């Protein structure tokens, strides 16, 4: 390998960022020369080998997945052994099959699809849209307002009735107490009767 032929990067000597950049270019070209030179044993190893290794890894992963999903462990007892011992090996094969069932059974796609569709429908039924929620809130507020209005109406009516009764009683007492004799003096007899009635009512 002739390193002298490569030499330093062309142009003036520079310092700082540009100097670093030119040095990087020089080292890259040097490494390329070494890799593809006549004395290189690892000539051609680069992107192609990296791609090959990547494909190999992917293939191994696929194989692992297939083994995990469909484990095929066929025991060939029936072909290699004599007929008088076949029944024993068949029984042993059945036992092995029972014990070596895959832990995660592959679920049928149709069943999965039906389940997912049912789940989606149930979620849609349960989940309410923003418009439905707003309507429900409005109806609740409306019913609460109506109830409050009815309660306030009843209270008002009761208050009005009580006020009417109070005014009637006041008027009656006023009429009794305002009665006078022919001479214009207050009628004491009527007043005394009214007071006696009040005392009796309280007692």
N, C-alpha and C. Protein backbone atom coordinates (compact mmCIF):
# COMPACT_ATOMS: atom_id res chain seq x y z
N UNK A 1 0.86 -1.20 0.00
CA UNK A 1 0.00 0.00 0.00
C UNK A 1 0.88 1.24 0.00
N UNK A 2 0.70 2.12 -0.96
CA UNK A 2 1.52 3.32 -1.09
C UNK A 2 0.80 4.49 -0.44
N UNK A 3 1.20 4.78 0.83
CA UNK A 3 0.57 5.89 1.57
C UNK A 3 1.07 7.25 1.07
N UNK A 4 2.29 7.25 0.49
CA UNK A 4 2.87 8.51 0.02
C UNK A 4 2.07 9.06 -1.16
N UNK A 5 1.49 8.12 -1.94
CA UNK A 5 0.71 8.56 -3.10
C UNK A 5 -0.50 9.37 -2.69
N UNK A 6 -1.07 8.99 -1.52
CA UNK A 6 -2.26 9.71 -1.04
C UNK A 6 -1.91 11.14 -0.65
N UNK A 7 -0.83 11.28 0.16
CA UNK A 7 -0.37 12.60 0.58
C UNK A 7 -1.36 13.30 1.48
N UNK A 8 -1.10 14.53 1.79
CA UNK A 8 -1.99 15.35 2.62
C UNK A 8 -3.11 15.89 1.75
N UNK A 9 -4.20 16.35 2.38
CA UNK A 9 -5.28 16.96 1.60
C UNK A 9 -4.80 18.22 0.90
N UNK A 10 -5.29 18.44 -0.32
CA UNK A 10 -4.83 19.57 -1.12
C UNK A 10 -5.28 20.89 -0.51
N UNK A 11 -4.64 21.96 -0.94
CA UNK A 11 -5.01 23.30 -0.47
C UNK A 11 -4.11 23.75 0.66
N UNK A 12 -4.35 24.98 1.09
CA UNK A 12 -3.53 25.54 2.16
C UNK A 12 -3.84 24.86 3.47
N UNK A 13 -2.88 24.99 4.39
CA UNK A 13 -3.12 24.49 5.74
C UNK A 13 -4.13 25.40 6.42
N UNK A 14 -5.15 24.78 7.02
CA UNK A 14 -6.18 25.60 7.66
C UNK A 14 -6.41 25.11 9.08
N UNK A 15 -6.94 25.98 9.86
CA UNK A 15 -7.10 25.70 11.29
C UNK A 15 -8.59 25.82 11.67
N UNK A 16 -8.93 25.21 12.80
CA UNK A 16 -10.32 25.31 13.31
C UNK A 16 -11.24 24.29 12.67
N UNK A 17 -12.46 24.71 12.36
CA UNK A 17 -13.51 23.80 11.85
C UNK A 17 -13.12 23.23 10.49
N UNK A 18 -12.64 24.10 9.58
CA UNK A 18 -12.31 23.67 8.22
C UNK A 18 -11.16 22.66 8.24
N UNK A 19 -10.22 22.86 9.18
CA UNK A 19 -9.09 21.93 9.30
C UNK A 19 -9.59 20.56 9.69
N UNK A 20 -10.50 20.50 10.63
CA UNK A 20 -11.07 19.22 11.08
C UNK A 20 -11.80 18.52 9.96
N UNK A 21 -12.54 19.29 9.16
CA UNK A 21 -13.31 18.73 8.06
C UNK A 21 -12.39 18.12 7.01
N UNK A 22 -11.32 18.83 6.67
CA UNK A 22 -10.38 18.33 5.66
C UNK A 22 -9.68 17.07 6.16
N UNK A 23 -9.38 17.02 7.46
CA UNK A 23 -8.74 15.85 8.06
C UNK A 23 -9.66 14.63 7.99
N UNK A 24 -10.95 14.88 8.23
CA UNK A 24 -11.93 13.79 8.17
C UNK A 24 -12.01 13.21 6.77
N UNK A 25 -12.01 14.09 5.77
CA UNK A 25 -12.05 13.64 4.37
C UNK A 25 -10.82 12.80 4.04
N UNK A 26 -9.67 13.25 4.52
CA UNK A 26 -8.41 12.55 4.28
C UNK A 26 -8.43 11.14 4.87
N UNK A 27 -8.89 11.04 6.12
CA UNK A 27 -8.94 9.73 6.80
C UNK A 27 -9.92 8.79 6.11
N UNK A 28 -11.05 9.35 5.63
CA UNK A 28 -12.05 8.53 4.94
C UNK A 28 -11.46 7.94 3.66
N UNK A 29 -10.77 8.78 2.88
CA UNK A 29 -10.17 8.31 1.62
C UNK A 29 -9.10 7.26 1.90
N UNK A 30 -8.34 7.46 3.00
CA UNK A 30 -7.28 6.53 3.38
C UNK A 30 -7.86 5.16 3.73
N UNK A 31 -8.93 5.18 4.52
CA UNK A 31 -9.56 3.92 4.93
C UNK A 31 -10.12 3.18 3.72
N UNK A 32 -10.64 3.95 2.76
CA UNK A 32 -11.19 3.36 1.54
C UNK A 32 -10.08 2.66 0.75
N UNK A 33 -8.93 3.34 0.65
CA UNK A 33 -7.77 2.79 -0.07
C UNK A 33 -7.30 1.49 0.57
N UNK A 34 -7.25 1.50 1.93
CA UNK A 34 -6.78 0.31 2.65
C UNK A 34 -7.73 -0.85 2.42
N UNK A 35 -9.05 -0.56 2.48
CA UNK A 35 -10.06 -1.62 2.36
C UNK A 35 -10.04 -2.26 0.98
N UNK A 36 -9.88 -1.45 -0.07
CA UNK A 36 -9.96 -1.95 -1.44
C UNK A 36 -8.59 -2.15 -2.10
N UNK A 37 -7.53 -2.11 -1.30
CA UNK A 37 -6.18 -2.27 -1.84
C UNK A 37 -5.88 -3.71 -2.23
N UNK A 38 -4.77 -3.95 -2.92
CA UNK A 38 -4.43 -5.32 -3.38
C UNK A 38 -4.02 -6.25 -2.24
N UNK A 39 -3.43 -5.68 -1.15
CA UNK A 39 -2.96 -6.51 -0.02
C UNK A 39 -4.08 -6.82 0.98
N UNK A 40 -5.25 -6.31 0.76
CA UNK A 40 -6.34 -6.46 1.76
C UNK A 40 -6.95 -7.85 1.68
N UNK A 41 -7.03 -8.52 2.82
CA UNK A 41 -7.63 -9.87 2.87
C UNK A 41 -9.16 -9.79 2.93
N UNK A 42 -9.67 -8.71 3.50
CA UNK A 42 -11.13 -8.59 3.72
C UNK A 42 -11.74 -7.73 2.61
N UNK A 43 -11.23 -7.87 1.40
CA UNK A 43 -11.69 -7.03 0.30
C UNK A 43 -13.16 -7.36 -0.03
N UNK A 44 -13.97 -6.32 -0.23
CA UNK A 44 -15.38 -6.51 -0.60
C UNK A 44 -16.32 -6.62 0.58
N UNK A 45 -15.77 -6.75 1.79
CA UNK A 45 -16.65 -6.84 2.97
C UNK A 45 -17.11 -5.45 3.34
N UNK A 46 -18.36 -5.19 3.22
CA UNK A 46 -18.90 -3.87 3.54
C UNK A 46 -20.41 -3.95 3.62
N UNK A 47 -21.07 -3.19 2.77
CA UNK A 47 -22.53 -3.11 2.80
C UNK A 47 -23.18 -4.45 2.47
N UNK A 48 -22.62 -5.18 1.51
CA UNK A 48 -23.21 -6.46 1.07
C UNK A 48 -23.24 -7.46 2.22
N UNK A 49 -22.12 -7.57 2.96
CA UNK A 49 -22.06 -8.52 4.08
C UNK A 49 -23.00 -8.10 5.19
N UNK A 50 -23.04 -6.79 5.43
CA UNK A 50 -23.96 -6.28 6.48
C UNK A 50 -25.41 -6.61 6.14
N UNK A 51 -25.76 -6.47 4.83
CA UNK A 51 -27.12 -6.78 4.39
C UNK A 51 -27.41 -8.27 4.51
N UNK A 52 -26.42 -9.08 4.16
CA UNK A 52 -26.55 -10.54 4.26
C UNK A 52 -26.81 -10.96 5.71
N UNK A 53 -26.03 -10.38 6.63
CA UNK A 53 -26.20 -10.71 8.06
C UNK A 53 -27.59 -10.29 8.56
N UNK A 54 -28.05 -9.14 8.09
CA UNK A 54 -29.37 -8.64 8.48
C UNK A 54 -30.47 -9.61 8.04
N UNK A 55 -30.35 -10.10 6.80
CA UNK A 55 -31.34 -11.05 6.26
C UNK A 55 -31.30 -12.36 7.05
N UNK A 56 -30.07 -12.80 7.38
CA UNK A 56 -29.93 -14.04 8.17
C UNK A 56 -30.61 -13.90 9.54
N UNK A 57 -30.40 -12.73 10.18
CA UNK A 57 -31.03 -12.51 11.49
C UNK A 57 -32.56 -12.54 11.38
N UNK A 58 -33.07 -11.90 10.34
CA UNK A 58 -34.52 -11.86 10.14
C UNK A 58 -35.07 -13.26 9.92
N UNK A 59 -34.32 -14.08 9.13
CA UNK A 59 -34.74 -15.46 8.86
C UNK A 59 -34.76 -16.29 10.14
N UNK A 60 -33.75 -16.11 10.99
CA UNK A 60 -33.69 -16.84 12.27
C UNK A 60 -34.86 -16.47 13.17
N UNK A 61 -35.18 -15.18 13.18
CA UNK A 61 -36.33 -14.72 13.98
C UNK A 61 -37.61 -15.38 13.51
N UNK A 62 -37.79 -15.45 12.18
CA UNK A 62 -38.98 -16.09 11.60
C UNK A 62 -39.07 -17.55 12.01
N UNK A 63 -37.94 -18.25 11.93
CA UNK A 63 -37.90 -19.66 12.33
C UNK A 63 -38.31 -19.84 13.78
N UNK A 64 -37.79 -18.96 14.64
CA UNK A 64 -38.12 -19.03 16.07
C UNK A 64 -39.62 -18.86 16.29
N UNK A 65 -40.19 -17.87 15.58
CA UNK A 65 -41.63 -17.62 15.71
C UNK A 65 -42.45 -18.83 15.28
N UNK A 66 -42.06 -19.43 14.16
CA UNK A 66 -42.77 -20.61 13.65
C UNK A 66 -42.70 -21.77 14.64
N UNK A 67 -41.55 -21.96 15.24
CA UNK A 67 -41.39 -23.03 16.25
C UNK A 67 -42.28 -22.77 17.45
N UNK A 68 -42.39 -21.50 17.83
CA UNK A 68 -43.18 -21.13 19.01
C UNK A 68 -44.68 -21.33 18.76
N UNK A 69 -45.13 -20.94 17.54
CA UNK A 69 -46.56 -21.05 17.22
C UNK A 69 -46.94 -22.49 16.89
N UNK A 70 -46.18 -23.14 16.01
CA UNK A 70 -46.49 -24.51 15.58
C UNK A 70 -45.34 -25.46 15.93
N UNK A 71 -45.26 -25.90 17.16
CA UNK A 71 -44.17 -26.84 17.51
C UNK A 71 -44.48 -28.25 16.98
N UNK A 72 -43.67 -28.73 16.04
CA UNK A 72 -43.89 -30.05 15.44
C UNK A 72 -42.80 -31.01 15.92
N UNK A 73 -43.18 -31.81 16.86
CA UNK A 73 -42.23 -32.80 17.40
C UNK A 73 -42.77 -34.20 17.10
N UNK A 74 -42.52 -34.64 15.89
CA UNK A 74 -43.02 -35.96 15.48
C UNK A 74 -42.07 -37.06 15.97
N UNK A 75 -42.65 -37.99 16.68
CA UNK A 75 -41.86 -39.11 17.18
C UNK A 75 -42.12 -40.31 16.28
N UNK A 76 -41.07 -40.78 15.61
CA UNK A 76 -41.24 -41.87 14.64
C UNK A 76 -41.00 -43.24 15.24
N UNK A 77 -41.88 -43.64 16.13
CA UNK A 77 -41.73 -44.96 16.76
C UNK A 77 -42.27 -46.08 15.88
N UNK A 78 -43.31 -45.82 15.13
CA UNK A 78 -44.04 -46.88 14.41
C UNK A 78 -43.22 -47.50 13.28
N UNK A 79 -42.30 -46.72 12.66
CA UNK A 79 -41.60 -47.23 11.48
C UNK A 79 -40.38 -48.08 11.84
N UNK A 80 -39.64 -47.69 12.87
CA UNK A 80 -38.33 -48.31 13.13
C UNK A 80 -38.37 -49.52 14.07
N UNK A 81 -39.50 -49.77 14.72
CA UNK A 81 -39.54 -50.82 15.74
C UNK A 81 -40.41 -52.00 15.30
N UNK A 82 -40.17 -53.16 15.87
CA UNK A 82 -40.93 -54.36 15.47
C UNK A 82 -42.41 -54.25 15.84
N UNK A 83 -43.22 -55.12 15.18
CA UNK A 83 -44.68 -55.02 15.32
C UNK A 83 -45.16 -55.40 16.71
N UNK A 84 -44.52 -56.34 17.38
CA UNK A 84 -44.99 -56.77 18.71
C UNK A 84 -44.76 -55.68 19.78
N UNK A 85 -43.95 -54.63 19.45
CA UNK A 85 -43.74 -53.52 20.40
C UNK A 85 -44.42 -52.21 19.95
N UNK A 86 -45.11 -52.27 18.80
CA UNK A 86 -45.70 -51.05 18.25
C UNK A 86 -46.72 -50.41 19.19
N UNK A 87 -47.56 -51.25 19.81
CA UNK A 87 -48.64 -50.70 20.67
C UNK A 87 -48.06 -49.89 21.84
N UNK A 88 -46.91 -50.33 22.36
CA UNK A 88 -46.26 -49.61 23.47
C UNK A 88 -45.79 -48.22 23.01
N UNK A 89 -45.16 -48.22 21.84
CA UNK A 89 -44.63 -46.95 21.35
C UNK A 89 -45.75 -45.98 20.94
N UNK A 90 -46.85 -46.56 20.43
CA UNK A 90 -48.01 -45.72 20.09
C UNK A 90 -48.59 -45.05 21.33
N UNK A 91 -48.70 -45.84 22.41
CA UNK A 91 -49.22 -45.31 23.67
C UNK A 91 -48.31 -44.19 24.20
N UNK A 92 -46.99 -44.44 24.09
CA UNK A 92 -46.02 -43.44 24.56
C UNK A 92 -46.12 -42.15 23.72
N UNK A 93 -46.33 -42.34 22.41
CA UNK A 93 -46.47 -41.18 21.52
C UNK A 93 -47.68 -40.33 21.89
N UNK A 94 -48.80 -41.02 22.18
CA UNK A 94 -50.01 -40.29 22.60
C UNK A 94 -49.78 -39.51 23.89
N UNK A 95 -49.09 -40.15 24.84
CA UNK A 95 -48.77 -39.49 26.11
C UNK A 95 -47.94 -38.23 25.87
N UNK A 96 -46.94 -38.37 25.00
CA UNK A 96 -46.08 -37.21 24.69
C UNK A 96 -46.88 -36.09 24.04
N UNK A 97 -47.78 -36.45 23.13
CA UNK A 97 -48.62 -35.44 22.47
C UNK A 97 -49.46 -34.68 23.48
N UNK A 98 -50.01 -35.42 24.44
CA UNK A 98 -50.85 -34.77 25.47
C UNK A 98 -50.04 -33.80 26.31
N UNK A 99 -48.84 -34.22 26.69
CA UNK A 99 -48.00 -33.38 27.55
C UNK A 99 -47.40 -32.19 26.80
N UNK A 100 -47.10 -32.42 25.50
CA UNK A 100 -46.41 -31.37 24.74
C UNK A 100 -47.36 -30.54 23.89
N UNK A 101 -48.52 -30.20 24.46
CA UNK A 101 -49.45 -29.32 23.76
C UNK A 101 -48.93 -27.89 23.83
N UNK A 102 -49.11 -27.12 22.79
CA UNK A 102 -48.62 -25.72 22.83
C UNK A 102 -49.34 -24.92 23.91
N UNK A 103 -48.56 -24.14 24.66
CA UNK A 103 -49.15 -23.36 25.76
C UNK A 103 -50.12 -22.31 25.24
N UNK A 104 -49.70 -21.64 24.17
CA UNK A 104 -50.55 -20.59 23.59
C UNK A 104 -51.17 -21.15 22.32
N UNK A 105 -52.43 -21.58 22.39
CA UNK A 105 -53.10 -22.13 21.22
C UNK A 105 -53.46 -21.00 20.26
N UNK A 106 -53.18 -21.20 18.97
CA UNK A 106 -53.55 -20.15 18.01
C UNK A 106 -55.06 -20.02 17.91
N UNK A 107 -55.58 -18.83 18.20
CA UNK A 107 -57.03 -18.60 18.18
C UNK A 107 -57.48 -18.41 16.75
N UNK A 108 -58.66 -18.94 16.45
CA UNK A 108 -59.20 -18.84 15.09
C UNK A 108 -59.50 -17.38 14.78
N UNK A 109 -59.16 -16.97 13.56
CA UNK A 109 -59.31 -15.56 13.17
C UNK A 109 -60.77 -15.12 13.17
N UNK A 110 -61.66 -16.03 12.75
CA UNK A 110 -63.09 -15.68 12.70
C UNK A 110 -63.64 -15.36 14.08
N UNK A 111 -63.26 -16.20 15.07
CA UNK A 111 -63.70 -15.96 16.45
C UNK A 111 -63.19 -14.61 16.95
N UNK A 112 -61.94 -14.32 16.63
CA UNK A 112 -61.35 -13.04 17.04
C UNK A 112 -62.13 -11.88 16.43
N UNK A 113 -62.43 -12.00 15.15
CA UNK A 113 -63.14 -10.93 14.45
C UNK A 113 -64.52 -10.70 15.05
N UNK A 114 -65.24 -11.82 15.35
CA UNK A 114 -66.58 -11.69 15.94
C UNK A 114 -66.51 -11.02 17.31
N UNK A 115 -65.50 -11.45 18.10
CA UNK A 115 -65.34 -10.85 19.43
C UNK A 115 -65.07 -9.36 19.34
N UNK A 116 -64.15 -9.02 18.44
CA UNK A 116 -63.79 -7.60 18.30
C UNK A 116 -64.98 -6.77 17.84
N UNK A 117 -65.75 -7.33 16.88
CA UNK A 117 -66.93 -6.61 16.38
C UNK A 117 -67.95 -6.41 17.48
N UNK A 118 -68.17 -7.49 18.30
CA UNK A 118 -69.10 -7.38 19.43
C UNK A 118 -68.64 -6.34 20.43
N UNK A 119 -67.34 -6.35 20.73
CA UNK A 119 -66.78 -5.37 21.67
C UNK A 119 -66.97 -3.94 21.17
N UNK A 120 -66.74 -3.77 19.86
CA UNK A 120 -66.87 -2.42 19.27
C UNK A 120 -68.31 -1.95 19.37
N UNK A 121 -69.27 -2.86 19.08
CA UNK A 121 -70.69 -2.50 19.15
C UNK A 121 -71.08 -2.13 20.57
N UNK A 122 -70.63 -2.95 21.55
CA UNK A 122 -70.93 -2.65 22.96
C UNK A 122 -70.35 -1.31 23.38
N UNK A 123 -69.12 -1.05 22.96
CA UNK A 123 -68.49 0.24 23.31
C UNK A 123 -69.28 1.40 22.71
N UNK A 124 -69.71 1.23 21.45
CA UNK A 124 -70.48 2.29 20.80
C UNK A 124 -71.79 2.54 21.52
N UNK A 125 -72.44 1.43 21.97
CA UNK A 125 -73.69 1.59 22.71
C UNK A 125 -73.46 2.29 24.04
N UNK A 126 -72.37 1.89 24.72
CA UNK A 126 -72.06 2.49 26.03
C UNK A 126 -71.60 3.93 25.89
N UNK A 127 -70.69 4.15 24.97
CA UNK A 127 -70.12 5.49 24.81
C UNK A 127 -71.13 6.42 24.17
N UNK A 128 -71.39 7.54 24.83
CA UNK A 128 -72.34 8.52 24.31
C UNK A 128 -71.59 9.64 23.62
N UNK A 129 -72.25 10.17 22.60
CA UNK A 129 -71.64 11.30 21.90
C UNK A 129 -71.80 12.57 22.72
N UNK A 130 -71.05 13.58 22.35
CA UNK A 130 -71.09 14.86 23.08
C UNK A 130 -72.48 15.50 22.97
N UNK A 131 -73.13 15.30 21.82
CA UNK A 131 -74.48 15.85 21.62
C UNK A 131 -75.48 15.19 22.57
N UNK A 132 -75.39 13.85 22.70
CA UNK A 132 -76.29 13.13 23.62
C UNK A 132 -76.07 13.56 25.05
N UNK A 133 -74.80 13.70 25.45
CA UNK A 133 -74.49 14.15 26.80
C UNK A 133 -75.06 15.54 27.08
N UNK A 134 -74.91 16.43 26.10
CA UNK A 134 -75.42 17.80 26.24
C UNK A 134 -76.94 17.79 26.40
N UNK A 135 -77.62 16.94 25.60
CA UNK A 135 -79.08 16.84 25.70
C UNK A 135 -79.52 16.35 27.07
N UNK A 136 -78.82 15.32 27.57
CA UNK A 136 -79.15 14.77 28.89
C UNK A 136 -78.95 15.82 29.99
N UNK A 137 -77.85 16.55 29.91
CA UNK A 137 -77.59 17.62 30.89
C UNK A 137 -78.68 18.68 30.84
N UNK A 138 -79.09 19.06 29.63
CA UNK A 138 -80.13 20.08 29.46
C UNK A 138 -81.45 19.61 30.06
N UNK A 139 -81.80 18.33 29.80
CA UNK A 139 -83.05 17.77 30.35
C UNK A 139 -83.03 17.75 31.88
N UNK A 140 -81.88 17.36 32.45
CA UNK A 140 -81.74 17.35 33.91
C UNK A 140 -81.95 18.73 34.50
N UNK A 141 -81.29 19.72 33.90
CA UNK A 141 -81.40 21.11 34.37
C UNK A 141 -82.85 21.59 34.26
N UNK A 142 -83.51 21.19 33.15
CA UNK A 142 -84.90 21.60 32.92
C UNK A 142 -85.82 21.03 34.00
N UNK A 143 -85.65 19.73 34.32
CA UNK A 143 -86.49 19.10 35.35
C UNK A 143 -86.26 19.73 36.71
N UNK A 144 -84.99 20.03 37.03
CA UNK A 144 -84.66 20.68 38.30
C UNK A 144 -85.32 22.06 38.40
N UNK A 145 -85.28 22.80 37.31
CA UNK A 145 -85.91 24.14 37.28
C UNK A 145 -87.41 24.04 37.49
N UNK A 146 -88.04 23.07 36.81
CA UNK A 146 -89.49 22.89 36.94
C UNK A 146 -89.87 22.55 38.38
N UNK A 147 -89.08 21.66 39.00
CA UNK A 147 -89.34 21.30 40.41
C UNK A 147 -89.22 22.51 41.33
N UNK A 148 -88.18 23.31 41.11
CA UNK A 148 -87.98 24.52 41.93
C UNK A 148 -89.15 25.49 41.75
N UNK A 149 -89.60 25.64 40.49
CA UNK A 149 -90.73 26.53 40.21
C UNK A 149 -92.00 26.08 40.94
N UNK A 150 -92.26 24.77 40.91
CA UNK A 150 -93.45 24.22 41.59
C UNK A 150 -93.39 24.47 43.09
N UNK A 151 -92.22 24.24 43.68
CA UNK A 151 -92.05 24.44 45.13
C UNK A 151 -92.27 25.90 45.50
N UNK A 152 -91.69 26.81 44.70
CA UNK A 152 -91.84 28.25 44.98
C UNK A 152 -93.29 28.69 44.81
N UNK A 153 -93.99 28.09 43.82
CA UNK A 153 -95.41 28.41 43.58
C UNK A 153 -96.27 28.01 44.78
N UNK A 154 -96.01 26.80 45.31
CA UNK A 154 -96.77 26.32 46.47
C UNK A 154 -96.54 27.22 47.68
N UNK A 155 -95.30 27.60 47.90
CA UNK A 155 -94.97 28.49 49.03
C UNK A 155 -95.69 29.84 48.90
N UNK A 156 -95.69 30.38 47.68
CA UNK A 156 -96.34 31.67 47.44
C UNK A 156 -97.84 31.58 47.74
N UNK A 157 -98.47 30.49 47.26
CA UNK A 157 -99.90 30.30 47.48
C UNK A 157 -100.22 30.20 48.97
N UNK A 158 -99.39 29.42 49.69
CA UNK A 158 -99.60 29.28 51.14
C UNK A 158 -99.44 30.63 51.86
N UNK A 159 -98.44 31.41 51.43
CA UNK A 159 -98.19 32.72 52.03
C UNK A 159 -99.39 33.66 51.79
N UNK A 160 -99.89 33.62 50.55
CA UNK A 160 -101.04 34.48 50.20
C UNK A 160 -102.28 34.12 51.02
N UNK A 161 -102.49 32.79 51.19
CA UNK A 161 -103.64 32.33 51.99
C UNK A 161 -103.52 32.81 53.43
N UNK A 162 -102.33 32.66 53.98
CA UNK A 162 -102.09 33.08 55.37
C UNK A 162 -102.30 34.59 55.53
N UNK A 163 -101.82 35.34 54.55
CA UNK A 163 -101.99 36.81 54.60
C UNK A 163 -103.47 37.19 54.54
N UNK A 164 -104.25 36.50 53.69
CA UNK A 164 -105.69 36.77 53.57
C UNK A 164 -106.41 36.51 54.89
N UNK A 165 -106.10 35.34 55.49
CA UNK A 165 -106.72 35.00 56.79
C UNK A 165 -106.37 36.03 57.85
N UNK A 166 -105.11 36.44 57.87
CA UNK A 166 -104.66 37.42 58.86
C UNK A 166 -105.40 38.75 58.68
N UNK A 167 -105.54 39.18 57.41
CA UNK A 167 -106.24 40.44 57.12
C UNK A 167 -107.72 40.36 57.51
N UNK A 168 -108.34 39.19 57.22
CA UNK A 168 -109.76 39.01 57.60
C UNK A 168 -109.96 39.13 59.11
N UNK A 169 -109.08 38.45 59.85
CA UNK A 169 -109.17 38.51 61.32
C UNK A 169 -108.96 39.94 61.83
N UNK A 170 -108.00 40.61 61.23
CA UNK A 170 -107.72 41.99 61.63
C UNK A 170 -108.94 42.88 61.40
N UNK A 171 -109.56 42.69 60.22
CA UNK A 171 -110.75 43.49 59.88
C UNK A 171 -111.89 43.22 60.85
N UNK A 172 -112.08 41.93 61.19
CA UNK A 172 -113.16 41.55 62.14
C UNK A 172 -112.93 42.22 63.50
N UNK A 173 -111.70 42.11 63.99
CA UNK A 173 -111.38 42.73 65.30
C UNK A 173 -111.55 44.25 65.24
N UNK A 174 -111.14 44.83 64.10
CA UNK A 174 -111.27 46.28 63.96
C UNK A 174 -112.75 46.70 63.98
N UNK A 175 -113.59 45.93 63.26
CA UNK A 175 -115.02 46.23 63.22
C UNK A 175 -115.65 46.15 64.62
N UNK A 176 -115.24 45.09 65.35
CA UNK A 176 -115.80 44.90 66.70
C UNK A 176 -115.37 46.06 67.63
N UNK A 177 -114.08 46.34 67.57
CA UNK A 177 -113.54 47.36 68.49
C UNK A 177 -113.91 48.79 68.08
N UNK A 178 -114.21 49.00 66.81
CA UNK A 178 -114.54 50.37 66.35
C UNK A 178 -116.02 50.73 66.52
N UNK A 179 -116.83 49.78 66.93
CA UNK A 179 -118.26 50.08 67.13
C UNK A 179 -118.44 51.03 68.33
N UNK A 180 -119.35 51.95 68.14
CA UNK A 180 -119.58 52.95 69.19
C UNK A 180 -121.07 53.03 69.55
N UNK A 181 -121.26 53.66 70.68
CA UNK A 181 -122.66 53.87 71.16
C UNK A 181 -123.29 55.04 70.42
N UNK A 182 -124.59 55.32 70.75
CA UNK A 182 -125.28 56.43 70.10
C UNK A 182 -124.62 57.78 70.43
N UNK A 183 -124.07 57.84 71.59
CA UNK A 183 -123.43 59.10 72.02
C UNK A 183 -122.03 59.27 71.42
N UNK A 184 -121.51 58.24 70.70
CA UNK A 184 -120.19 58.32 70.08
C UNK A 184 -119.06 57.79 70.93
N UNK A 185 -119.42 57.18 72.04
CA UNK A 185 -118.38 56.60 72.90
C UNK A 185 -118.13 55.13 72.49
N UNK A 186 -116.90 54.60 72.74
CA UNK A 186 -116.62 53.19 72.41
C UNK A 186 -117.49 52.22 73.20
N UNK A 187 -117.95 51.13 72.50
CA UNK A 187 -118.85 50.16 73.12
C UNK A 187 -118.02 49.18 73.94
N UNK A 188 -118.03 49.38 75.26
CA UNK A 188 -117.21 48.56 76.16
C UNK A 188 -117.73 47.13 76.28
N UNK A 189 -119.04 46.97 76.19
CA UNK A 189 -119.64 45.62 76.31
C UNK A 189 -119.11 44.68 75.19
N UNK A 190 -119.12 45.21 73.96
CA UNK A 190 -118.62 44.40 72.82
C UNK A 190 -117.12 44.08 72.98
N UNK A 191 -116.39 45.05 73.44
CA UNK A 191 -114.95 44.86 73.64
C UNK A 191 -114.67 43.78 74.68
N UNK A 192 -115.46 43.80 75.75
CA UNK A 192 -115.32 42.80 76.83
C UNK A 192 -115.64 41.39 76.29
N UNK A 193 -116.70 41.30 75.49
CA UNK A 193 -117.09 40.01 74.91
C UNK A 193 -115.96 39.45 74.01
N UNK A 194 -115.39 40.34 73.22
CA UNK A 194 -114.29 39.95 72.31
C UNK A 194 -113.09 39.42 73.10
N UNK A 195 -112.76 40.13 74.19
CA UNK A 195 -111.63 39.71 75.02
C UNK A 195 -111.88 38.35 75.66
N UNK A 196 -113.13 38.14 76.14
CA UNK A 196 -113.50 36.85 76.75
C UNK A 196 -113.37 35.69 75.72
N UNK A 197 -113.84 35.95 74.52
CA UNK A 197 -113.74 34.93 73.45
C UNK A 197 -112.26 34.55 73.17
N UNK A 198 -111.41 35.56 73.13
CA UNK A 198 -109.98 35.33 72.89
C UNK A 198 -109.37 34.47 73.98
N UNK A 199 -109.74 34.78 75.24
CA UNK A 199 -109.21 34.02 76.39
C UNK A 199 -109.66 32.57 76.32
N UNK A 200 -110.92 32.36 75.95
CA UNK A 200 -111.47 31.00 75.84
C UNK A 200 -110.75 30.20 74.72
N UNK A 201 -110.52 30.87 73.62
CA UNK A 201 -109.82 30.21 72.50
C UNK A 201 -108.40 29.76 72.89
N UNK A 202 -107.69 30.62 73.62
CA UNK A 202 -106.33 30.29 74.06
C UNK A 202 -106.33 29.15 75.07
N UNK A 203 -107.34 29.17 75.97
CA UNK A 203 -107.46 28.14 77.00
C UNK A 203 -107.94 26.84 76.34
